[in-house]
Amino acid sequence: MSVPEAAQSSFVVPNEPAIGRIASIDIFRGLTVLLMVFVDNLDFVKGLPWWTYHMPRQASGMTYVDMVFPAFLFVMGMSIPLAVKRRLAGGGSLGKIGLHILRRSLSLVALGLFIANGPQVDRQQTGISAVSWDLLGFLGIALFWRGSSSPAAAIGKPLPRILKYAGLSLLLVLAVIFRRTTEDGHTAWLDFSDWEILGLLGWAYLLTGSLYLLFRKHVVALAASLALLCALNAMSVAGWFLWLKRFPPYAQPFEAGLTSITLAGLLACLILLENTLASGVGRKALRAAGYAAVLAGAAWLLKPLGISKLRDTPAWCLYCSAANTLVVLFLYWIADVKHRQKWAGFLTLAGANALLAYMLAYVAYFTPALFRLTADGTEGWHGVMRSLLFATLVLAITAVLTRFQFKLQV
């Protein structure tokens, strides 16, 4: 498997500033990051059972590997009501919050384009190698999107602002000099045909966040929006929207299936972590279990369209949303109700800094010397252990850097 292929199988979700964090969400996000890096590396390993890989495109079914990306979408949706609530409590207006959602979404899209174009750098046309362009890009990202754990302490200090603008300038220069060679031999600029996973997250975040700002006091309208997205996804899989293929990808950025998973996570948050639909742990648990059952029932009804991650079928979206609801319910009971969190300290730190973990994995994928740390070229259980060690290493570095107050936040 090539480095670009490995990179494009990774996923991440943006994390909010550490103000009033919910332990179960950070633990769930940390577990998802660990699985992300682990299954990415398993894709390098040969001779493993079928259920350790993605299901083929035309097959109907899914493995646990097919459920990793939906977990990121789901937890991203769960973070939206909490983030909006924090900003409203801090005196923010709906207009400013909308602009914040737009800025974060476009930041994710920009990061996705960087990841997707990194392996395509033409050294002769660009003037520097792909590895150099990528590493300079990671440096620019670290400078520009570095978050502060204490924003108030940074007020009046010029250095953070200087570093931020230096990172932005570096990224702009890299974008200007970028050149690639197309399949037909022509020289071209950035490729906008692939949003990459981060870009897909960004568009799903923008649409879901906008729906929440519009209907945040009307849960029925949010539920109806979820039903509508599932219906649109079913129609798309059934071939009703084939005429849209005549338009370029940047003209149709939103994806009904992925957005439905994100919105399902948002509704799960309203059930479990807010008092919008239920109060009291017992009632919340019953509502969450019932919600998961409804999602699974809808998925069963849509099974004739197939269950496939690669085809983004509605049954896949709904089954994953139901499973994620139950996982979050379990973690909520353990971490937020029973307050048993010490076992997950390592995961909590990584979950609170998921974007950094994502980028660290990419640094290894794009750097030949570090790529040797991955499970590439291995077989069987030896490859499984290499994959687990690499994933643990990425999370360990993320946890250490988080301890030293280094975070990436869009």
Protein backbone atom coordinates (compact mmCIF):
# COMPACT_ATOMS: atom_id res chain seq x y z
CA MET A 1 0.00 0.00 0.00
CA SER A 2 1.37 3.44 -0.90
CA VAL A 3 1.85 6.32 1.51
CA PRO A 4 -0.92 8.41 -0.07
CA GLU A 5 -3.35 5.51 0.22
CA ALA A 6 -2.48 5.09 3.87
CA ALA A 7 -2.96 8.75 4.55
CA GLN A 8 -6.32 8.91 2.89
CA SER A 9 -7.76 6.23 5.17
CA SER A 10 -7.39 8.38 8.32
CA PHE A 11 -10.05 10.35 10.06
CA VAL A 12 -10.31 13.01 12.70
CA VAL A 13 -12.77 15.23 14.45
CA PRO A 14 -12.18 18.79 15.65
CA ASN A 15 -12.11 19.36 19.38
CA GLU A 16 -13.44 22.29 21.37
CA PRO A 17 -11.50 24.35 23.93
CA ALA A 18 -11.16 22.64 27.30
CA ILE A 19 -13.92 24.55 29.12
CA GLY A 20 -16.46 22.36 30.88
CA ARG A 21 -15.43 19.25 28.96
CA ILE A 22 -17.53 16.08 29.15
CA ALA A 23 -15.37 13.09 30.11
CA SER A 24 -17.32 10.52 28.11
CA ILE A 25 -16.97 12.54 24.90
CA ASP A 26 -13.20 12.90 25.28
CA ILE A 27 -12.83 9.21 26.11
CA PHE A 28 -14.97 8.22 23.12
CA ARG A 29 -12.95 10.52 20.88
CA GLY A 30 -9.67 9.13 22.27
CA LEU A 31 -10.80 5.54 21.64
CA THR A 32 -11.75 6.50 18.11
CA VAL A 33 -8.33 8.10 17.48
CA LEU A 34 -6.63 4.95 18.75
CA LEU A 35 -8.75 2.78 16.46
CA MET A 36 -8.16 5.14 13.55
CA VAL A 37 -4.39 4.85 13.66
CA PHE A 38 -4.56 1.13 14.41
CA VAL A 39 -6.83 0.17 11.51
CA ASP A 40 -4.91 2.46 9.15
CA ASN A 41 -1.83 0.38 9.80
CA LEU A 42 -3.70 -2.90 9.62
CA ASP A 43 -4.37 -2.00 5.99
CA PHE A 44 -0.63 -2.41 5.40
CA VAL A 45 -0.63 -5.91 6.90
CA LYS A 46 -1.14 -8.96 4.72
CA GLY A 47 -2.65 -12.30 5.64
CA LEU A 48 -5.28 -11.12 8.13
CA PRO A 49 -8.95 -12.21 8.32
CA TRP A 50 -11.47 -10.38 6.12
CA TRP A 51 -13.04 -8.60 9.06
CA THR A 52 -9.85 -6.61 9.69
CA TYR A 53 -10.28 -4.69 6.43
CA HIS A 54 -12.99 -2.55 4.81
CA MET A 55 -15.77 -4.48 3.12
CA PRO A 56 -15.52 -4.43 -0.71
CA ARG A 57 -17.52 -1.71 -2.42
CA GLN A 58 -20.14 -3.99 -3.96
CA ALA A 59 -20.54 -6.21 -0.88
CA SER A 60 -23.39 -5.65 1.57
CA GLY A 61 -22.11 -5.61 5.12
CA MET A 62 -19.59 -3.89 7.32
CA THR A 63 -16.70 -4.65 9.63
CA TYR A 64 -15.58 -2.75 12.72
CA VAL A 65 -13.09 -0.96 10.44
CA ASP A 66 -16.02 0.53 8.53
CA MET A 67 -17.36 2.01 11.78
CA VAL A 68 -14.36 4.17 12.71
CA PHE A 69 -15.08 7.17 10.47
CA PRO A 70 -18.76 7.36 11.54
CA ALA A 71 -17.59 7.49 15.16
CA PHE A 72 -15.70 10.71 14.41
CA LEU A 73 -18.71 12.21 12.66
CA PHE A 74 -20.97 11.17 15.53
CA VAL A 75 -18.81 12.65 18.29
CA MET A 76 -18.33 15.81 16.22
CA GLY A 77 -22.10 16.18 16.17
CA MET A 78 -22.27 15.65 19.93
CA SER A 79 -19.83 18.51 20.49
CA ILE A 80 -21.94 21.09 18.63
CA PRO A 81 -24.69 21.79 21.24
CA LEU A 82 -22.09 21.93 24.01
CA ALA A 83 -19.90 24.34 22.06
CA VAL A 84 -22.83 26.61 21.20
CA LYS A 85 -23.99 26.59 24.82
CA ARG A 86 -20.51 27.61 26.04
CA ARG A 87 -20.29 30.47 23.56
CA LEU A 88 -23.78 31.74 24.38
CA ALA A 89 -22.92 31.62 28.08
CA GLY A 90 -19.80 33.65 27.31
CA GLY A 91 -21.85 36.40 25.71
CA GLY A 92 -21.52 35.35 22.08
CA SER A 93 -24.31 36.14 19.64
CA LEU A 94 -25.82 33.65 17.20
CA GLY A 95 -24.27 35.61 14.34
CA LYS A 96 -20.78 35.36 15.82
CA ILE A 97 -21.29 31.67 16.55
CA GLY A 98 -22.37 31.12 12.95
CA LEU A 99 -19.20 32.81 11.73
CA HIS A 100 -17.17 30.64 14.10
CA ILE A 101 -18.77 27.50 12.68
CA LEU A 102 -18.04 28.72 9.15
CA ARG A 103 -14.41 29.47 10.03
CA ARG A 104 -13.87 26.07 11.60
CA SER A 105 -15.52 24.31 8.68
CA LEU A 106 -13.39 26.10 6.08
CA SER A 107 -10.28 25.42 8.18
CA LEU A 108 -11.03 21.69 8.04
CA VAL A 109 -11.61 21.92 4.29
CA ALA A 110 -8.27 23.71 3.87
CA LEU A 111 -6.48 21.05 5.94
CA GLY A 112 -8.14 18.34 3.88
CA LEU A 113 -6.92 19.91 0.64
CA PHE A 114 -3.40 20.11 2.07
CA ILE A 115 -3.46 16.41 2.98
CA ALA A 116 -4.93 15.38 -0.37
CA ASN A 117 -2.45 17.41 -2.42
CA GLY A 118 0.67 16.71 -0.37
CA PRO A 119 1.64 13.47 -2.14
CA GLN A 120 1.07 15.07 -5.58
CA VAL A 121 3.86 17.67 -5.39
CA ASP A 122 5.94 17.77 -8.58
CA ARG A 123 9.49 18.50 -7.44
CA GLN A 124 10.63 19.86 -10.79
CA GLN A 125 7.66 22.21 -11.19
CA THR A 126 7.35 23.24 -7.53
CA GLY A 127 11.04 23.66 -6.78
CA ILE A 128 11.08 21.51 -3.64
CA SER A 129 10.44 17.84 -2.94
CA ALA A 130 7.10 16.50 -1.79
CA VAL A 131 8.58 15.59 1.60
CA SER A 132 9.93 19.12 2.12
CA TRP A 133 6.65 20.68 1.01
CA ASP A 134 4.71 18.42 3.36
CA LEU A 135 6.94 19.01 6.39
CA LEU A 136 6.89 22.78 5.86
CA GLY A 137 3.12 22.51 5.60
CA PHE A 138 2.90 20.67 8.91
CA LEU A 139 5.06 23.39 10.46
CA GLY A 140 2.73 26.08 9.11
CA ILE A 141 -0.29 24.17 10.45
CA ALA A 142 1.32 23.83 13.89
CA LEU A 143 2.05 27.57 14.02
CA PHE A 144 -1.27 28.80 12.65
CA TRP A 145 -3.68 26.41 14.37
CA ARG A 146 -1.89 26.05 17.66
CA GLY A 147 -4.46 26.56 20.40
CA SER A 148 -3.92 28.18 23.76
CA SER A 149 -5.13 26.47 26.90
CA SER A 150 -5.31 29.90 28.51
CA PRO A 151 -6.48 32.48 25.96
CA ALA A 152 -6.62 35.22 28.59
CA ALA A 153 -2.93 34.73 29.38
CA ALA A 154 -2.04 35.29 25.72
CA ILE A 155 -3.77 38.68 25.52
CA GLY A 156 -1.24 41.46 25.07
CA LYS A 157 1.60 39.11 24.16
CA PRO A 158 2.81 39.67 20.59
CA LEU A 159 4.71 36.38 20.14
CA PRO A 160 1.67 34.08 19.73
CA ARG A 161 0.24 36.44 17.13
CA ILE A 162 3.57 36.69 15.29
CA LEU A 163 3.89 32.89 15.17
CA LYS A 164 0.30 32.56 13.97
CA TYR A 165 0.80 34.94 11.07
CA ALA A 166 4.14 33.34 10.27
CA GLY A 167 2.39 29.99 9.96
CA LEU A 168 -0.30 31.47 7.73
CA SER A 169 2.32 33.14 5.53
CA LEU A 170 4.21 29.86 5.18
CA LEU A 171 1.04 28.02 4.15
CA LEU A 172 0.15 30.69 1.60
CA VAL A 173 3.64 30.53 0.06
CA LEU A 174 3.42 26.74 -0.19
CA ALA A 175 0.02 27.03 -1.86
CA VAL A 176 1.32 29.57 -4.37
CA ILE A 177 4.36 27.52 -5.43
CA PHE A 178 2.47 24.20 -5.52
CA ARG A 179 2.45 22.43 -8.87
CA ARG A 180 1.46 18.89 -9.82
CA THR A 181 1.42 16.85 -13.01
CA THR A 182 -1.97 15.53 -14.14
CA GLU A 183 -2.57 12.09 -15.61
CA ASP A 184 -2.45 13.53 -19.11
CA GLY A 185 0.93 15.16 -18.46
CA HIS A 186 -0.20 18.76 -17.92
CA THR A 187 1.02 21.00 -15.12
CA ALA A 188 -1.75 22.04 -12.72
CA TRP A 189 -2.31 23.78 -9.40
CA LEU A 190 -4.15 22.34 -6.37
CA ASP A 191 -6.50 19.43 -6.96
CA PHE A 192 -10.01 20.25 -5.70
CA SER A 193 -11.56 16.94 -6.73
CA ASP A 194 -10.86 15.28 -3.36
CA TRP A 195 -11.87 16.92 -0.07
CA GLU A 196 -10.08 14.20 1.88
CA ILE A 197 -11.56 13.09 5.18
CA LEU A 198 -10.96 16.40 6.95
CA GLY A 199 -12.76 18.26 4.21
CA LEU A 200 -15.73 15.89 4.43
CA LEU A 201 -15.81 16.50 8.17
CA GLY A 202 -15.73 20.24 7.54
CA TRP A 203 -18.73 20.26 5.21
CA ALA A 204 -20.72 17.96 7.53
CA TYR A 205 -19.86 20.23 10.47
CA LEU A 206 -20.99 23.34 8.57
CA LEU A 207 -24.37 21.91 7.55
CA THR A 208 -25.11 20.30 10.93
CA GLY A 209 -24.00 23.38 12.86
CA SER A 210 -26.17 25.59 10.67
CA LEU A 211 -29.20 23.34 11.19
CA TYR A 212 -28.67 23.48 14.94
CA LEU A 213 -28.46 27.27 15.01
CA LEU A 214 -31.65 27.40 12.96
CA PHE A 215 -33.64 24.79 14.93
CA ARG A 216 -31.85 24.57 18.29
CA LYS A 217 -35.08 25.16 20.23
CA HIS A 218 -37.10 22.78 18.06
CA VAL A 219 -36.02 19.17 18.54
CA VAL A 220 -38.80 17.92 16.28
CA ALA A 221 -37.42 20.03 13.42
CA LEU A 222 -33.94 18.59 14.02
CA ALA A 223 -35.34 15.04 13.99
CA ALA A 224 -37.22 15.84 10.78
CA SER A 225 -33.97 17.15 9.29
CA LEU A 226 -32.33 13.82 10.13
CA ALA A 227 -35.17 11.95 8.42
CA LEU A 228 -34.88 14.20 5.38
CA LEU A 229 -31.12 13.63 5.12
CA CYS A 230 -31.65 9.87 5.32
CA ALA A 231 -34.30 10.09 2.59
CA LEU A 232 -32.01 12.14 0.35
CA ASN A 233 -29.21 9.64 0.94
CA ALA A 234 -31.51 6.75 0.03
CA MET A 235 -32.56 8.52 -3.16
CA SER A 236 -28.93 9.17 -4.04
CA VAL A 237 -27.93 5.52 -3.53
CA ALA A 238 -30.94 4.46 -5.61
CA GLY A 239 -29.58 6.55 -8.47
CA TRP A 240 -32.01 9.46 -8.48
CA PHE A 241 -29.28 12.10 -8.50
CA LEU A 242 -26.92 10.75 -11.15
CA TRP A 243 -27.34 14.02 -13.05
CA LEU A 244 -25.31 15.75 -10.33
CA LYS A 245 -22.17 14.00 -11.59
CA ARG A 246 -21.97 16.53 -14.40
CA PHE A 247 -20.97 19.14 -11.80
CA PRO A 248 -17.44 19.30 -10.31
CA PRO A 249 -16.97 18.16 -6.67
CA TYR A 250 -16.51 21.69 -5.36
CA ALA A 251 -19.99 22.55 -6.65
CA GLN A 252 -21.60 19.83 -4.49
CA PRO A 253 -19.63 19.71 -1.24
CA PHE A 254 -22.37 18.51 1.11
CA GLU A 255 -22.98 14.79 1.64
CA ALA A 256 -26.37 13.73 3.00
CA GLY A 257 -25.18 10.43 4.48
CA LEU A 258 -22.22 11.81 6.41
CA THR A 259 -24.23 14.79 7.60
CA SER A 260 -26.97 12.43 8.84
CA ILE A 261 -24.44 10.67 11.09
CA THR A 262 -23.27 14.02 12.45
CA LEU A 263 -26.84 15.16 13.11
CA ALA A 264 -27.59 11.81 14.77
CA GLY A 265 -24.72 12.51 17.17
CA LEU A 266 -26.12 15.97 17.87
CA LEU A 267 -29.51 14.49 18.80
CA ALA A 268 -27.78 11.92 21.02
CA CYS A 269 -26.14 14.81 22.87
CA LEU A 270 -29.51 16.45 23.45
CA ILE A 271 -30.80 13.19 24.90
CA LEU A 272 -27.86 12.30 27.13
CA LEU A 273 -25.96 15.47 28.00
CA GLU A 274 -28.70 18.11 27.95
CA ASN A 275 -32.06 18.19 29.68
CA THR A 276 -33.87 18.97 26.42
CA LEU A 277 -35.60 15.62 26.03
CA ALA A 278 -35.20 13.98 29.43
CA SER A 279 -33.95 14.72 32.93
CA GLY A 280 -32.49 12.18 35.30
CA VAL A 281 -30.01 9.46 34.46
CA GLY A 282 -32.58 6.67 34.23
CA ARG A 283 -34.85 8.51 31.83
CA LYS A 284 -31.92 9.64 29.72
CA ALA A 285 -30.66 6.06 29.47
CA LEU A 286 -34.10 4.80 28.41
CA ARG A 287 -34.47 7.59 25.85
CA ALA A 288 -30.98 6.90 24.47
CA ALA A 289 -31.65 3.17 24.20
CA GLY A 290 -34.96 3.85 22.48
CA TYR A 291 -33.28 6.29 20.13
CA ALA A 292 -30.69 3.65 19.20
CA ALA A 293 -33.48 1.13 18.59
CA VAL A 294 -35.28 3.55 16.25
CA LEU A 295 -32.09 4.19 14.29
CA ALA A 296 -31.41 0.46 14.01
CA GLY A 297 -34.99 -0.20 12.94
CA ALA A 298 -34.76 2.43 10.21
CA ALA A 299 -31.49 0.88 9.07
CA TRP A 300 -33.15 -2.54 8.84
CA LEU A 301 -35.91 -1.10 6.67
CA LEU A 302 -33.30 0.39 4.33
CA LYS A 303 -31.22 -2.79 4.05
CA PRO A 304 -32.43 -3.46 0.47
CA LEU A 305 -30.20 -0.56 -0.61
CA GLY A 306 -27.23 -2.40 0.89
CA ILE A 307 -24.92 -1.85 3.84
CA SER A 308 -21.72 -0.25 2.61
CA LYS A 309 -19.31 2.39 3.83
CA LEU A 310 -17.72 2.83 0.41
CA ARG A 311 -21.14 3.46 -1.14
CA ASP A 312 -22.30 5.50 1.86
CA THR A 313 -25.62 3.69 2.10
CA PRO A 314 -28.28 4.89 4.58
CA ALA A 315 -28.35 1.54 6.39
CA TRP A 316 -24.61 1.84 7.09
CA CYS A 317 -25.08 5.39 8.39
CA LEU A 318 -27.99 4.44 10.65
CA TYR A 319 -26.51 1.19 12.02
CA CYS A 320 -23.29 3.04 12.90
CA SER A 321 -25.26 5.84 14.55
CA ALA A 322 -27.22 3.32 16.63
CA ALA A 323 -24.03 1.54 17.72
CA ASN A 324 -22.32 4.83 18.59
CA THR A 325 -25.31 5.87 20.69
CA LEU A 326 -24.98 2.73 22.80
CA VAL A 327 -21.21 3.13 23.16
CA VAL A 328 -21.60 6.74 24.30
CA LEU A 329 -24.37 5.69 26.71
CA PHE A 330 -22.04 3.14 28.30
CA LEU A 331 -19.16 5.63 28.57
CA TYR A 332 -21.51 8.29 29.95
CA TRP A 333 -22.62 5.90 32.69
CA ILE A 334 -19.05 4.95 33.60
CA ALA A 335 -17.27 8.30 33.29
CA ASP A 336 -19.89 10.98 33.96
CA VAL A 337 -22.38 9.22 36.24
CA LYS A 338 -20.08 6.92 38.21
CA HIS A 339 -17.09 9.27 37.77
CA ARG A 340 -14.71 6.42 37.02
CA GLN A 341 -12.26 8.20 34.76
CA LYS A 342 -8.76 7.31 35.95
CA TRP A 343 -8.60 4.23 33.70
CA ALA A 344 -9.00 6.47 30.66
CA GLY A 345 -6.63 9.33 31.47
CA PHE A 346 -4.43 8.46 28.51
CA LEU A 347 -7.41 8.38 26.15
CA THR A 348 -8.90 11.57 27.58
CA LEU A 349 -5.75 13.56 26.82
CA ALA A 350 -5.62 12.24 23.26
CA GLY A 351 -9.33 12.80 22.79
CA ALA A 352 -9.00 16.43 23.87
CA ASN A 353 -6.31 16.94 21.21
CA ALA A 354 -7.52 14.71 18.38
CA LEU A 355 -6.39 16.97 15.53
CA LEU A 356 -2.81 16.78 16.77
CA ALA A 357 -2.94 12.97 16.85
CA TYR A 358 -4.27 12.97 13.32
CA MET A 359 -1.49 15.22 12.08
CA LEU A 360 1.22 13.24 13.89
CA ALA A 361 0.10 10.11 12.05
CA TYR A 362 0.32 12.00 8.77
CA VAL A 363 3.82 13.26 9.56
CA ALA A 364 4.86 9.61 9.75
CA TYR A 365 2.96 8.68 6.58
CA PHE A 366 4.56 11.49 4.57
CA THR A 367 8.14 11.15 5.91
CA PRO A 368 10.06 8.12 4.56
CA ALA A 369 12.26 7.79 7.65
CA LEU A 370 9.26 7.80 10.00
CA PHE A 371 7.13 5.68 7.67
CA ARG A 372 9.32 2.75 8.68
CA LEU A 373 7.64 2.86 12.09
CA THR A 374 4.35 1.80 10.54
CA ALA A 375 3.28 -1.78 9.84
CA ASP A 376 3.98 -1.49 6.11
CA GLY A 377 5.26 -4.74 4.60
CA THR A 378 4.37 -6.94 7.58
CA GLU A 379 2.19 -10.04 7.78
CA GLY A 380 -0.06 -11.74 10.31
CA TRP A 381 0.14 -11.16 14.04
CA HIS A 382 3.51 -9.45 13.74
CA GLY A 383 1.80 -6.76 11.70
CA VAL A 384 -1.03 -6.51 14.23
CA MET A 385 1.47 -5.85 17.02
CA ARG A 386 3.35 -3.30 14.90
CA SER A 387 0.05 -1.54 14.20
CA LEU A 388 -0.85 -1.46 17.89
CA LEU A 389 2.60 -0.17 18.87
CA PHE A 390 2.45 2.60 16.26
CA ALA A 391 -1.03 3.67 17.38
CA THR A 392 0.08 3.68 21.02
CA LEU A 393 3.15 5.73 20.13
CA VAL A 394 1.06 8.37 18.33
CA LEU A 395 -1.33 8.67 21.26
CA ALA A 396 1.53 8.75 23.78
CA ILE A 397 3.23 11.63 21.96
CA THR A 398 -0.13 13.40 21.73
CA ALA A 399 -0.72 12.95 25.46
CA VAL A 400 2.75 14.29 26.34
CA LEU A 401 2.37 17.33 24.09
CA THR A 402 -1.08 17.96 25.55
CA ARG A 403 0.43 17.88 29.04
CA PHE A 404 2.84 20.58 27.87
CA GLN A 405 -0.12 22.66 26.69
CA PHE A 406 0.49 22.17 22.96
CA LYS A 407 -2.81 21.73 21.11
CA LEU A 408 -4.10 22.06 17.59
CA GLN A 409 -7.51 23.74 17.30
CA VAL A 410 -9.34 24.95 14.24
